[in-house]
N, C-alpha and C. Protein backbone atom coordinates (compact mmCIF):
# COMPACT_ATOMS: atom_id res chain seq x y z
N UNK A 1 151.75 48.37 113.66
CA UNK A 1 153.11 48.21 114.15
C UNK A 1 153.18 48.32 115.66
N UNK A 2 152.06 48.58 116.29
CA UNK A 2 152.05 48.65 117.75
C UNK A 2 151.79 47.29 118.39
N UNK A 3 151.38 46.31 117.59
CA UNK A 3 151.14 44.97 118.13
C UNK A 3 152.45 44.19 118.21
N UNK A 4 152.52 43.28 119.15
CA UNK A 4 153.72 42.48 119.37
C UNK A 4 154.19 41.78 118.09
N UNK A 5 153.27 41.30 117.28
CA UNK A 5 153.60 40.61 116.04
C UNK A 5 154.43 41.46 115.10
N UNK A 6 154.26 42.78 115.15
CA UNK A 6 154.91 43.67 114.21
C UNK A 6 156.07 44.47 114.81
N UNK A 7 156.49 44.12 116.00
CA UNK A 7 157.66 44.79 116.57
C UNK A 7 158.88 44.41 115.73
N UNK A 8 159.76 45.33 115.52
CA UNK A 8 160.96 45.18 114.68
C UNK A 8 160.60 45.02 113.21
N UNK A 9 159.43 45.50 112.82
CA UNK A 9 159.01 45.41 111.42
C UNK A 9 159.49 46.64 110.65
N UNK A 10 159.49 46.51 109.34
CA UNK A 10 159.83 47.62 108.45
C UNK A 10 158.57 48.07 107.74
N UNK A 11 158.51 49.39 107.47
CA UNK A 11 157.38 49.95 106.74
C UNK A 11 157.92 50.82 105.61
N UNK A 12 157.47 50.56 104.41
CA UNK A 12 157.86 51.34 103.25
C UNK A 12 156.68 52.19 102.83
N UNK A 13 156.88 53.51 102.79
CA UNK A 13 155.84 54.43 102.35
C UNK A 13 156.20 54.89 100.94
N UNK A 14 155.28 54.67 100.01
CA UNK A 14 155.47 55.08 98.62
C UNK A 14 154.53 56.24 98.36
N UNK A 15 155.09 57.36 97.93
CA UNK A 15 154.27 58.55 97.76
C UNK A 15 154.98 59.54 96.85
N UNK A 16 154.24 60.57 96.41
CA UNK A 16 154.90 61.67 95.71
C UNK A 16 155.37 62.71 96.71
N UNK A 17 154.97 62.59 97.97
CA UNK A 17 155.37 63.44 99.07
C UNK A 17 155.16 64.93 98.78
N UNK A 18 154.10 65.22 98.05
CA UNK A 18 153.77 66.62 97.80
C UNK A 18 152.94 67.10 98.99
N UNK A 19 153.65 67.55 100.01
CA UNK A 19 153.04 68.05 101.23
C UNK A 19 154.10 68.84 101.97
N UNK A 20 153.68 69.70 102.83
CA UNK A 20 154.64 70.51 103.58
C UNK A 20 155.38 69.65 104.59
N UNK A 21 154.66 69.09 105.54
CA UNK A 21 155.23 68.21 106.57
C UNK A 21 154.15 67.25 107.03
N UNK A 22 154.55 66.27 107.80
CA UNK A 22 153.57 65.39 108.42
C UNK A 22 152.96 66.10 109.61
N UNK A 23 151.70 65.82 109.92
CA UNK A 23 151.11 66.39 111.12
C UNK A 23 151.90 65.97 112.36
N UNK A 24 151.95 66.85 113.34
CA UNK A 24 152.74 66.62 114.55
C UNK A 24 152.37 65.30 115.24
N UNK A 25 151.08 64.99 115.34
CA UNK A 25 150.67 63.76 116.04
C UNK A 25 151.16 62.51 115.32
N UNK A 26 151.23 62.55 114.00
CA UNK A 26 151.75 61.40 113.25
C UNK A 26 153.25 61.27 113.47
N UNK A 27 153.98 62.39 113.46
CA UNK A 27 155.41 62.35 113.73
C UNK A 27 155.68 61.76 115.11
N UNK A 28 154.89 62.16 116.09
CA UNK A 28 155.05 61.64 117.45
C UNK A 28 154.76 60.15 117.51
N UNK A 29 153.73 59.69 116.80
CA UNK A 29 153.40 58.26 116.75
C UNK A 29 154.56 57.46 116.15
N UNK A 30 155.13 57.97 115.08
CA UNK A 30 156.26 57.29 114.44
C UNK A 30 157.44 57.22 115.39
N UNK A 31 157.72 58.31 116.09
CA UNK A 31 158.82 58.34 117.05
C UNK A 31 158.63 57.27 118.12
N UNK A 32 157.42 57.13 118.62
CA UNK A 32 157.13 56.12 119.64
C UNK A 32 157.27 54.71 119.08
N UNK A 33 156.74 54.49 117.88
CA UNK A 33 156.80 53.15 117.26
C UNK A 33 158.25 52.75 116.99
N UNK A 34 159.10 53.71 116.63
CA UNK A 34 160.50 53.41 116.35
C UNK A 34 161.25 52.95 117.59
N UNK A 35 160.74 53.24 118.76
CA UNK A 35 161.37 52.78 120.00
C UNK A 35 161.34 51.26 120.12
N UNK A 36 160.43 50.61 119.38
CA UNK A 36 160.34 49.14 119.37
C UNK A 36 161.16 48.55 118.23
N UNK A 37 162.15 49.32 117.74
CA UNK A 37 163.03 48.88 116.65
C UNK A 37 162.33 48.72 115.32
N UNK A 38 161.23 49.41 115.14
CA UNK A 38 160.58 49.43 113.84
C UNK A 38 161.33 50.43 112.96
N UNK A 39 161.38 50.17 111.66
CA UNK A 39 162.06 51.05 110.71
C UNK A 39 161.05 51.59 109.70
N UNK A 40 161.25 52.85 109.34
CA UNK A 40 160.40 53.50 108.35
C UNK A 40 161.25 53.93 107.17
N UNK A 41 160.82 53.56 105.96
CA UNK A 41 161.53 53.90 104.73
C UNK A 41 160.57 54.62 103.78
N UNK A 42 161.14 55.43 102.90
CA UNK A 42 160.30 56.12 101.93
C UNK A 42 160.83 55.91 100.52
N UNK A 43 159.90 55.79 99.60
CA UNK A 43 160.19 55.77 98.16
C UNK A 43 159.35 56.88 97.56
N UNK A 44 160.03 57.93 97.13
CA UNK A 44 159.34 59.08 96.55
C UNK A 44 159.26 58.91 95.05
N UNK A 45 158.07 59.15 94.51
CA UNK A 45 157.87 59.12 93.07
C UNK A 45 158.12 60.54 92.57
N UNK A 46 159.24 60.72 91.87
CA UNK A 46 159.64 62.06 91.46
C UNK A 46 160.45 62.71 92.57
N UNK A 47 161.07 63.84 92.27
CA UNK A 47 161.94 64.48 93.27
C UNK A 47 161.39 65.81 93.75
N UNK A 48 160.08 65.95 93.75
CA UNK A 48 159.48 67.21 94.15
C UNK A 48 159.67 67.53 95.62
N UNK A 49 159.84 66.54 96.45
CA UNK A 49 159.91 66.75 97.89
C UNK A 49 161.33 66.94 98.39
N UNK A 50 162.32 66.80 97.54
CA UNK A 50 163.70 66.73 98.02
C UNK A 50 164.12 67.90 98.89
N UNK A 51 163.56 69.07 98.68
CA UNK A 51 163.91 70.20 99.52
C UNK A 51 163.41 70.02 100.94
N UNK A 52 162.41 69.18 101.12
CA UNK A 52 161.80 68.99 102.43
C UNK A 52 161.91 67.53 102.86
N UNK A 53 163.03 66.94 102.61
CA UNK A 53 163.25 65.55 102.98
C UNK A 53 163.00 65.37 104.48
N UNK A 54 162.40 64.26 104.85
CA UNK A 54 162.03 64.02 106.25
C UNK A 54 163.03 63.09 106.90
N UNK A 55 164.26 63.51 106.96
CA UNK A 55 165.36 62.69 107.48
C UNK A 55 165.16 62.25 108.91
N UNK A 56 164.49 63.04 109.70
CA UNK A 56 164.29 62.68 111.10
C UNK A 56 163.30 61.53 111.25
N UNK A 57 162.48 61.31 110.24
CA UNK A 57 161.44 60.28 110.32
C UNK A 57 161.89 58.99 109.68
N UNK A 58 162.48 59.07 108.49
CA UNK A 58 162.79 57.87 107.72
C UNK A 58 164.21 57.37 107.96
N UNK A 59 164.33 56.05 108.06
CA UNK A 59 165.63 55.42 108.24
C UNK A 59 166.36 55.28 106.92
N UNK A 60 165.67 55.35 105.84
CA UNK A 60 166.24 55.30 104.50
C UNK A 60 165.28 55.97 103.53
N UNK A 61 165.83 56.62 102.53
CA UNK A 61 164.99 57.33 101.56
C UNK A 61 165.50 57.05 100.15
N UNK A 62 164.57 56.78 99.24
CA UNK A 62 164.88 56.58 97.84
C UNK A 62 163.97 57.45 96.99
N UNK A 63 164.45 57.78 95.80
CA UNK A 63 163.65 58.56 94.85
C UNK A 63 163.57 57.77 93.55
N UNK A 64 162.35 57.57 93.07
CA UNK A 64 162.13 56.92 91.78
C UNK A 64 161.91 58.00 90.74
N UNK A 65 162.70 57.97 89.68
CA UNK A 65 162.56 58.90 88.58
C UNK A 65 161.76 58.22 87.48
N UNK A 66 160.50 58.61 87.28
CA UNK A 66 159.67 57.93 86.29
C UNK A 66 160.10 58.21 84.85
N UNK A 67 160.90 59.24 84.63
CA UNK A 67 161.33 59.56 83.27
C UNK A 67 162.40 58.61 82.76
N UNK A 68 163.28 58.15 83.65
CA UNK A 68 164.30 57.20 83.20
C UNK A 68 164.26 55.89 83.98
N UNK A 69 163.25 55.70 84.78
CA UNK A 69 162.98 54.49 85.58
C UNK A 69 164.13 54.11 86.51
N UNK A 70 164.85 55.10 87.01
CA UNK A 70 165.94 54.81 87.95
C UNK A 70 165.48 55.07 89.38
N UNK A 71 166.13 54.40 90.30
CA UNK A 71 165.89 54.62 91.73
C UNK A 71 167.21 55.03 92.35
N UNK A 72 167.20 56.15 93.05
CA UNK A 72 168.40 56.69 93.67
C UNK A 72 168.23 56.71 95.17
N UNK A 73 169.19 56.17 95.87
CA UNK A 73 169.16 56.23 97.33
C UNK A 73 169.69 57.58 97.75
N UNK A 74 168.90 58.32 98.53
CA UNK A 74 169.37 59.63 98.96
C UNK A 74 169.84 59.64 100.40
N UNK A 75 169.45 58.63 101.14
CA UNK A 75 169.90 58.57 102.53
C UNK A 75 169.61 57.19 103.09
N UNK A 76 170.53 56.74 103.89
CA UNK A 76 170.33 55.45 104.53
C UNK A 76 170.93 55.50 105.93
N UNK A 77 170.22 54.98 106.86
CA UNK A 77 170.66 55.00 108.25
C UNK A 77 172.01 54.32 108.43
N UNK A 78 172.31 53.32 107.61
CA UNK A 78 173.59 52.63 107.72
C UNK A 78 174.73 53.60 107.45
N UNK A 79 174.58 54.46 106.45
CA UNK A 79 175.62 55.44 106.15
C UNK A 79 175.84 56.37 107.32
N UNK A 80 174.79 56.79 107.97
CA UNK A 80 174.91 57.70 109.10
C UNK A 80 175.58 57.01 110.29
N UNK A 81 175.23 55.78 110.54
CA UNK A 81 175.83 55.04 111.64
C UNK A 81 177.33 54.88 111.39
N UNK A 82 177.72 54.53 110.17
CA UNK A 82 179.13 54.39 109.85
C UNK A 82 179.88 55.69 110.08
N UNK A 83 179.29 56.81 109.65
CA UNK A 83 179.94 58.10 109.83
C UNK A 83 180.09 58.43 111.32
N UNK A 84 179.07 58.14 112.10
CA UNK A 84 179.10 58.41 113.53
C UNK A 84 180.17 57.58 114.21
N UNK A 85 180.24 56.30 113.86
CA UNK A 85 181.21 55.40 114.49
C UNK A 85 182.65 55.72 114.09
N UNK A 86 182.84 56.28 112.92
CA UNK A 86 184.18 56.58 112.43
C UNK A 86 184.60 58.02 112.67
N UNK A 87 183.75 58.79 113.34
CA UNK A 87 184.10 60.20 113.59
C UNK A 87 185.23 60.29 114.61
N UNK A 88 186.10 61.29 114.42
CA UNK A 88 187.24 61.44 115.37
C UNK A 88 186.78 61.86 116.75
């Protein structure tokens, strides 16, 4: 995503997100890459990570429930932008 060809690209990370946090250097890399209008999204398999959602990193987050095969959107940057623009 650092090459010109991939500027303004989207990246979807699919994982169970069973981890404490991302390493600091990876978070910093993502922050820099996002300056080129790249977007990062996550699809979590199961809801084990929900207590440690990485809202600062991902522009949108979804959770796939393998027991009932549903996908739930838990956060989307569009919702946050709307709230910010409509705030008093």
